[in-house]
Amino acid sequence: ILKHFVDSLTIVKDIGQNGKLADIGTGAGFPGIPIKIFIPEIDVTLIDSLNKRINFLNIVIKELNLKNINTVHDRAEIFIRKNNETYDLITCRAVSKLNIISELCIPGLKINGYFIPMKANIDEEIKNTKYLQKLGAKIENIITFKLPKQDINRNLIIIKKIRKTDNNYPRNYDKILKHPL
């Protein structure tokens, strides 16, 4: 409960009650499903590259009778290219390094939208974030905390999109890995 549900809900005080949220690399639906339960008004899209996870999430959504929540079986970079500047908020939990996941997510945000990756150890990853300028974004805040009864630092990196991202992003995933920003 603490490690998955409570951790997923740590983001809710930093997001609005309305708008469109994309959860990239959702896995078993974290943080997207707990957010949807807690904020029923928000429109949620859960994206994952493994179809068996999407099939599982469709069952969970039906069993919980959740509305305005969609699942998409797609790779993040392909989904974001098709949904450029669509979302008010994009989040992910424990997905890839910050420079990689930023390139995959930020182009999908509307201007003034927020990308909030949820990560544990970020010390090395935030030493150089100049690549965010290329993506039209900047770090607005970093919230560090510990979950109750846990000794692991958790971090919410609040990244605001301040201008349009060049249409060349996100690049193909193999290019992102070979030549990260």
Protein backbone atom coordinates (compact mmCIF):
# COMPACT_ATOMS: atom_id res chain seq x y z
CA ILE A 1 0.00 0.00 0.00
CA LEU A 2 2.75 2.47 0.94
CA LYS A 3 5.17 1.59 -1.82
CA HIS A 4 2.66 1.79 -4.66
CA PHE A 5 -0.62 3.50 -3.75
CA VAL A 6 0.58 6.12 -1.26
CA ASP A 7 3.65 6.84 -3.39
CA SER A 8 1.42 7.31 -6.46
CA LEU A 9 -0.78 9.78 -4.58
CA THR A 10 2.10 12.01 -3.46
CA ILE A 11 1.69 13.84 -6.76
CA VAL A 12 -1.95 14.90 -6.29
CA LYS A 13 -1.24 18.08 -4.33
CA ASP A 14 0.85 19.29 -7.27
CA ILE A 15 -1.75 18.75 -10.00
CA GLY A 16 -5.09 20.32 -10.80
CA GLN A 17 -8.48 18.70 -10.51
CA ASN A 18 -9.24 18.94 -14.24
CA GLY A 19 -7.38 18.53 -17.47
CA LYS A 20 -5.68 15.72 -19.30
CA LEU A 21 -3.05 13.49 -17.73
CA ALA A 22 -0.87 10.91 -19.51
CA ASP A 23 0.91 8.23 -17.49
CA ILE A 24 3.84 7.03 -19.61
CA GLY A 25 5.14 3.51 -18.94
CA THR A 26 2.26 2.91 -16.55
CA GLY A 27 3.02 -0.76 -15.89
CA ALA A 28 0.39 -1.95 -13.44
CA GLY A 29 -1.33 1.47 -13.53
CA PHE A 30 0.87 3.44 -11.15
CA PRO A 31 0.46 6.35 -10.65
CA GLY A 32 -2.43 6.79 -13.13
CA ILE A 33 -5.12 4.61 -11.56
CA PRO A 34 -4.66 5.83 -7.94
CA ILE A 35 -4.71 9.43 -9.26
CA LYS A 36 -7.92 8.73 -11.19
CA ILE A 37 -9.56 7.21 -8.10
CA PHE A 38 -8.51 10.19 -5.97
CA ILE A 39 -9.39 12.83 -8.61
CA PRO A 40 -12.36 11.43 -10.58
CA GLU A 41 -12.68 14.62 -12.71
CA ILE A 42 -9.27 14.25 -14.34
CA ASP A 43 -9.04 12.66 -17.79
CA VAL A 44 -6.35 9.93 -17.68
CA THR A 45 -4.55 8.04 -20.43
CA LEU A 46 -2.39 5.06 -19.42
CA ILE A 47 0.34 4.21 -21.95
CA ASP A 48 2.46 1.08 -21.97
CA SER A 49 4.41 -0.83 -24.60
CA LEU A 50 3.35 -4.28 -23.36
CA ASN A 51 -0.12 -5.31 -24.44
CA LYS A 52 -0.57 -7.81 -21.59
CA ARG A 53 -0.28 -4.90 -19.13
CA ILE A 54 -2.87 -2.94 -21.11
CA ASN A 55 -5.21 -5.97 -21.08
CA PHE A 56 -4.79 -6.19 -17.29
CA LEU A 57 -5.46 -2.46 -16.88
CA ASN A 58 -8.63 -2.70 -18.97
CA ILE A 59 -9.92 -5.35 -16.53
CA VAL A 60 -9.02 -3.17 -13.52
CA ILE A 61 -10.74 -0.13 -15.06
CA LYS A 62 -13.88 -2.15 -15.78
CA GLU A 63 -13.94 -3.75 -12.30
CA LEU A 64 -13.51 -0.36 -10.62
CA ASN A 65 -16.05 1.23 -12.99
CA LEU A 66 -13.70 4.13 -13.74
CA LYS A 67 -14.79 6.71 -16.32
CA ASN A 68 -12.71 8.98 -18.58
CA ILE A 69 -9.68 6.74 -18.38
CA ASN A 70 -8.16 5.18 -21.48
CA THR A 71 -5.41 2.68 -22.13
CA VAL A 72 -3.03 2.79 -25.08
CA HIS A 73 -0.71 0.05 -26.23
CA ASP A 74 2.16 1.98 -27.83
CA ARG A 75 5.76 2.99 -27.41
CA ALA A 76 6.14 6.33 -25.64
CA GLU A 77 7.90 8.13 -28.49
CA ILE A 78 5.32 6.99 -31.06
CA PHE A 79 2.38 7.90 -28.82
CA ILE A 80 3.80 11.35 -28.05
CA ARG A 81 4.49 12.08 -31.73
CA LYS A 82 0.80 11.35 -32.43
CA ASN A 83 -0.28 13.45 -29.41
CA ASN A 84 2.06 16.43 -29.61
CA GLU A 85 1.09 19.28 -27.24
CA THR A 86 -2.04 17.48 -26.03
CA TYR A 87 -1.62 17.02 -22.27
CA ASP A 88 -1.79 19.35 -19.30
CA LEU A 89 0.23 16.89 -17.24
CA ILE A 90 2.45 13.93 -18.05
CA THR A 91 3.86 11.73 -15.37
CA CYS A 92 5.79 8.52 -15.00
CA ARG A 93 6.99 6.56 -12.03
CA ALA A 94 10.46 4.99 -11.96
CA VAL A 95 10.84 5.06 -15.74
CA SER A 96 14.29 5.54 -17.31
CA LYS A 97 16.85 8.28 -16.72
CA LEU A 98 15.60 11.86 -16.55
CA ASN A 99 17.20 13.00 -19.83
CA ILE A 100 15.67 10.07 -21.73
CA ILE A 101 12.19 10.23 -20.23
CA SER A 102 12.12 14.03 -20.58
CA GLU A 103 12.64 13.78 -24.33
CA LEU A 104 9.91 11.15 -24.54
CA CYS A 105 7.36 13.14 -22.52
CA ILE A 106 7.83 16.91 -22.78
CA PRO A 107 6.81 17.22 -26.47
CA GLY A 108 3.37 15.85 -25.50
CA LEU A 109 2.68 18.74 -23.13
CA LYS A 110 0.73 21.87 -23.88
CA ILE A 111 2.66 25.07 -23.23
CA ASN A 112 2.46 25.76 -19.47
CA GLY A 113 1.82 22.06 -18.89
CA TYR A 114 3.85 20.02 -16.42
CA PHE A 115 5.95 16.90 -16.65
CA ILE A 116 6.33 15.35 -13.19
CA PRO A 117 8.54 12.27 -13.16
CA MET A 118 8.48 10.38 -9.87
CA LYS A 119 11.95 9.07 -9.08
CA ALA A 120 14.05 7.77 -6.21
CA ASN A 121 17.74 8.66 -6.59
CA ILE A 122 18.19 11.78 -8.71
CA ASP A 123 21.45 13.34 -7.51
CA GLU A 124 23.44 12.42 -10.64
CA GLU A 125 20.53 12.96 -13.02
CA ILE A 126 19.91 16.59 -12.06
CA LYS A 127 23.53 17.72 -12.21
CA ASN A 128 23.18 18.66 -15.87
CA THR A 129 19.71 19.49 -17.13
CA LYS A 130 20.65 21.87 -19.97
CA TYR A 131 18.86 19.52 -22.37
CA LEU A 132 15.56 20.76 -20.92
CA GLN A 133 16.15 24.09 -22.71
CA LYS A 134 16.23 22.22 -26.05
CA LEU A 135 12.89 20.68 -25.16
CA GLY A 136 11.35 24.05 -24.21
CA ALA A 137 11.12 23.28 -20.50
CA LYS A 138 12.66 24.09 -17.15
CA ILE A 139 12.70 22.60 -13.67
CA GLU A 140 10.39 24.63 -11.49
CA ASN A 141 10.79 22.66 -8.27
CA ILE A 142 12.04 19.40 -6.81
CA ILE A 143 10.10 17.96 -3.90
CA THR A 144 12.01 15.39 -1.87
CA PHE A 145 10.36 13.27 0.81
CA LYS A 146 10.32 9.87 2.46
CA LEU A 147 7.27 7.65 2.60
CA PRO A 148 6.18 6.60 6.10
CA LYS A 149 8.17 3.62 7.38
CA GLN A 150 10.53 3.87 4.39
CA ASP A 151 14.11 5.06 4.29
CA ILE A 152 14.29 5.75 0.56
CA ASN A 153 14.18 9.31 -0.76
CA ARG A 154 11.37 9.95 -3.23
CA ASN A 155 11.42 12.91 -5.59
CA LEU A 156 8.84 14.75 -7.63
CA ILE A 157 10.62 16.77 -10.30
CA ILE A 158 8.27 19.56 -11.36
CA ILE A 159 9.18 20.47 -14.95
CA LYS A 160 7.20 23.19 -16.73
CA LYS A 161 6.95 23.45 -20.50
CA ILE A 162 7.55 27.11 -21.31
CA ARG A 163 7.65 27.03 -25.12
CA LYS A 164 6.91 24.77 -28.06
CA THR A 165 9.24 21.80 -28.46
CA ASP A 166 10.96 21.40 -31.82
CA ASN A 167 9.10 18.86 -33.99
CA ASN A 168 12.26 16.72 -34.19
CA TYR A 169 11.50 15.48 -30.66
CA PRO A 170 11.03 12.87 -29.51
CA ARG A 171 13.51 11.09 -31.73
CA ASN A 172 13.39 7.34 -32.32
CA TYR A 173 14.18 5.48 -29.13
CA ASP A 174 17.39 3.92 -30.46
CA LYS A 175 18.70 7.41 -31.32
CA ILE A 176 17.75 8.68 -27.87
CA LEU A 177 19.74 5.87 -26.25
CA LYS A 178 22.77 6.18 -28.56
CA HIS A 179 22.90 9.98 -28.43
CA PRO A 180 21.08 11.20 -25.31
CA LEU A 181 20.50 14.94 -24.91
